[in-house]
């Protein structure tokens, strides 16, 4: 695509994360409850979401450095320098996160979830119902991915 111009897209915040994670996400975030407050104009879009046990949450990592292209995965210098597209690092050209959470409750425009690995105030850009239809049967991982992250 040499010489072609890059297109830009507009992404709109549909809600915001509320939790106690002010500067970093704790290791035990899977056991912690967060809320997502959905803006009033998007509450109709939540109809039926409560029928799901789990949802996919997409967020905009607004505090991430968008210029960094290589990282040591999991901020561990013993891991090889790796392109951000090969990691789950929050730093990336388009800092979009994807997390599957357990939906505990939907109360009007407030979603209560377990397992959201986002900082307090992070903009939410979308929700999707979770399905196992797209699960990969035998995924392959780089050597630096811990065993605990291979079998979740």
Protein backbone atom coordinates (compact mmCIF):
# COMPACT_ATOMS: atom_id res chain seq x y z
CA UNK A 1 0.00 0.00 0.00
CA UNK A 2 2.91 2.30 -0.62
CA UNK A 3 1.84 5.77 -1.57
CA UNK A 4 -1.81 5.27 -0.63
CA UNK A 5 -3.32 7.60 1.92
CA UNK A 6 -4.52 6.26 5.24
CA UNK A 7 -8.21 6.64 5.99
CA UNK A 8 -9.41 7.91 9.35
CA UNK A 9 -12.50 6.77 11.20
CA UNK A 10 -14.54 8.28 13.98
CA UNK A 11 -15.18 6.19 17.09
CA UNK A 12 -17.79 7.31 19.60
CA UNK A 13 -17.74 6.55 23.32
CA UNK A 14 -20.91 4.66 24.31
CA UNK A 15 -20.06 4.50 28.01
CA UNK A 16 -17.33 4.60 30.61
CA UNK A 17 -15.70 2.17 33.05
CA UNK A 18 -16.08 2.67 36.80
CA UNK A 19 -13.89 0.69 39.22
CA UNK A 20 -11.05 1.07 41.72
CA UNK A 21 -8.22 0.54 39.19
CA UNK A 22 -6.73 4.03 39.12
CA UNK A 23 -3.20 3.49 37.82
CA UNK A 24 -2.85 -0.20 37.01
CA UNK A 25 -5.04 -3.25 36.63
CA UNK A 26 -4.48 -5.75 39.46
CA UNK A 27 -3.39 -9.31 38.68
CA UNK A 28 -6.62 -10.63 40.22
CA UNK A 29 -8.90 -8.48 38.02
CA UNK A 30 -10.80 -11.65 37.04
CA UNK A 31 -12.23 -11.71 40.57
CA UNK A 32 -13.04 -7.98 40.72
CA UNK A 33 -16.31 -6.31 39.81
CA UNK A 34 -16.43 -3.25 37.57
CA UNK A 35 -19.30 -1.17 36.30
CA UNK A 36 -19.79 0.29 32.88
CA UNK A 37 -22.13 3.26 32.69
CA UNK A 38 -23.73 3.49 29.25
CA UNK A 39 -24.69 6.95 27.99
CA UNK A 40 -28.45 7.54 27.91
CA UNK A 41 -28.68 7.77 24.11
CA UNK A 42 -27.41 4.16 23.81
CA UNK A 43 -29.58 2.42 26.41
CA UNK A 44 -31.96 1.04 23.76
CA UNK A 45 -28.96 -0.83 22.33
CA UNK A 46 -28.70 -2.83 25.58
CA UNK A 47 -32.05 -4.60 25.04
CA UNK A 48 -31.53 -8.37 25.47
CA UNK A 49 -27.89 -8.13 26.57
CA UNK A 50 -28.82 -9.39 30.07
CA UNK A 51 -29.66 -12.79 28.55
CA UNK A 52 -25.93 -13.39 28.06
CA UNK A 53 -23.68 -14.80 30.78
CA UNK A 54 -20.63 -13.23 29.12
CA UNK A 55 -20.06 -10.26 26.85
CA UNK A 56 -17.19 -8.91 24.81
CA UNK A 57 -16.27 -5.34 25.70
CA UNK A 58 -14.31 -3.07 23.38
CA UNK A 59 -12.65 -0.05 24.92
CA UNK A 60 -10.50 2.83 23.72
CA UNK A 61 -7.26 2.86 25.72
CA UNK A 62 -7.12 6.63 25.93
CA UNK A 63 -3.98 6.75 28.09
CA UNK A 64 -1.87 4.56 25.80
CA UNK A 65 1.12 5.71 23.79
CA UNK A 66 0.18 5.33 20.13
CA UNK A 67 3.74 5.74 18.82
CA UNK A 68 5.33 2.67 20.40
CA UNK A 69 5.54 -0.21 17.93
CA UNK A 70 7.68 -2.75 19.79
CA UNK A 71 7.53 -3.94 23.39
CA UNK A 72 8.85 -6.62 25.68
CA UNK A 73 5.61 -8.61 26.25
CA UNK A 74 4.08 -8.27 29.71
CA UNK A 75 6.71 -5.56 30.43
CA UNK A 76 9.23 -8.33 31.07
CA UNK A 77 12.66 -7.51 29.61
CA UNK A 78 13.49 -11.24 29.52
CA UNK A 79 10.82 -11.60 26.81
CA UNK A 80 11.98 -10.80 23.27
CA UNK A 81 11.31 -7.39 21.74
CA UNK A 82 8.06 -7.98 19.86
CA UNK A 83 5.80 -5.93 17.56
CA UNK A 84 2.71 -4.68 19.39
CA UNK A 85 0.40 -6.45 16.91
CA UNK A 86 1.81 -9.74 18.27
CA UNK A 87 0.94 -8.84 21.87
CA UNK A 88 -1.95 -7.74 24.05
CA UNK A 89 -0.06 -4.60 25.02
CA UNK A 90 -2.22 -1.50 25.50
CA UNK A 91 0.23 0.60 23.46
CA UNK A 92 -0.58 0.41 19.75
CA UNK A 93 -1.48 2.64 16.80
CA UNK A 94 -5.22 2.18 17.46
CA UNK A 95 -5.51 1.45 21.18
CA UNK A 96 -8.61 -0.74 21.07
CA UNK A 97 -9.00 -3.42 23.70
CA UNK A 98 -11.11 -6.58 23.56
CA UNK A 99 -12.06 -8.31 26.81
CA UNK A 100 -14.59 -11.06 27.50
CA UNK A 101 -16.30 -10.47 30.86
CA UNK A 102 -18.88 -12.22 32.97
CA UNK A 103 -22.07 -10.14 32.94
CA UNK A 104 -23.38 -10.17 36.51
CA UNK A 105 -26.23 -7.69 36.15
CA UNK A 106 -27.70 -5.11 33.81
CA UNK A 107 -29.49 -2.39 35.76
CA UNK A 108 -30.96 0.12 33.30
CA UNK A 109 -27.81 1.69 31.81
CA UNK A 110 -25.29 0.15 34.26
CA UNK A 111 -23.54 -3.13 33.49
CA UNK A 112 -21.92 -4.96 36.41
CA UNK A 113 -19.17 -7.33 35.23
CA UNK A 114 -16.33 -9.49 36.53
CA UNK A 115 -13.05 -9.73 34.69
CA UNK A 116 -12.72 -6.32 33.04
CA UNK A 117 -9.04 -5.39 32.73
CA UNK A 118 -9.56 -1.63 32.27
CA UNK A 119 -8.67 1.42 34.32
CA UNK A 120 -11.31 3.61 35.92
CA UNK A 121 -12.63 6.14 33.39
CA UNK A 122 -11.67 4.14 30.28
CA UNK A 123 -14.05 4.89 27.38
CA UNK A 124 -16.21 1.95 26.24
CA UNK A 125 -16.77 1.90 22.47
CA UNK A 126 -18.85 -1.26 21.97
CA UNK A 127 -20.35 -4.42 23.45
CA UNK A 128 -20.93 -7.73 21.71
CA UNK A 129 -22.61 -10.89 22.90
CA UNK A 130 -20.04 -13.62 23.49
CA UNK A 131 -20.25 -16.91 21.65
CA UNK A 132 -17.96 -19.93 21.53
CA UNK A 133 -18.66 -20.32 17.81
CA UNK A 134 -15.37 -18.68 16.93
CA UNK A 135 -13.16 -20.38 19.51
CA UNK A 136 -9.97 -21.76 18.02
CA UNK A 137 -9.45 -25.49 18.51
CA UNK A 138 -5.64 -25.71 18.72
CA UNK A 139 -4.10 -22.25 18.88
CA UNK A 140 -0.32 -21.76 18.65
CA UNK A 141 1.49 -19.29 20.94
CA UNK A 142 4.96 -17.72 21.14
CA UNK A 143 7.24 -19.22 23.80
CA UNK A 144 6.92 -16.14 26.04
CA UNK A 145 3.13 -16.62 26.59
CA UNK A 146 2.68 -18.15 30.08
CA UNK A 147 0.97 -21.52 30.30
CA UNK A 148 -1.84 -19.98 32.41
CA UNK A 149 -2.74 -17.73 29.47
CA UNK A 150 -2.86 -20.56 26.95
CA UNK A 151 -5.73 -22.52 28.48
CA UNK A 152 -8.24 -19.88 29.63
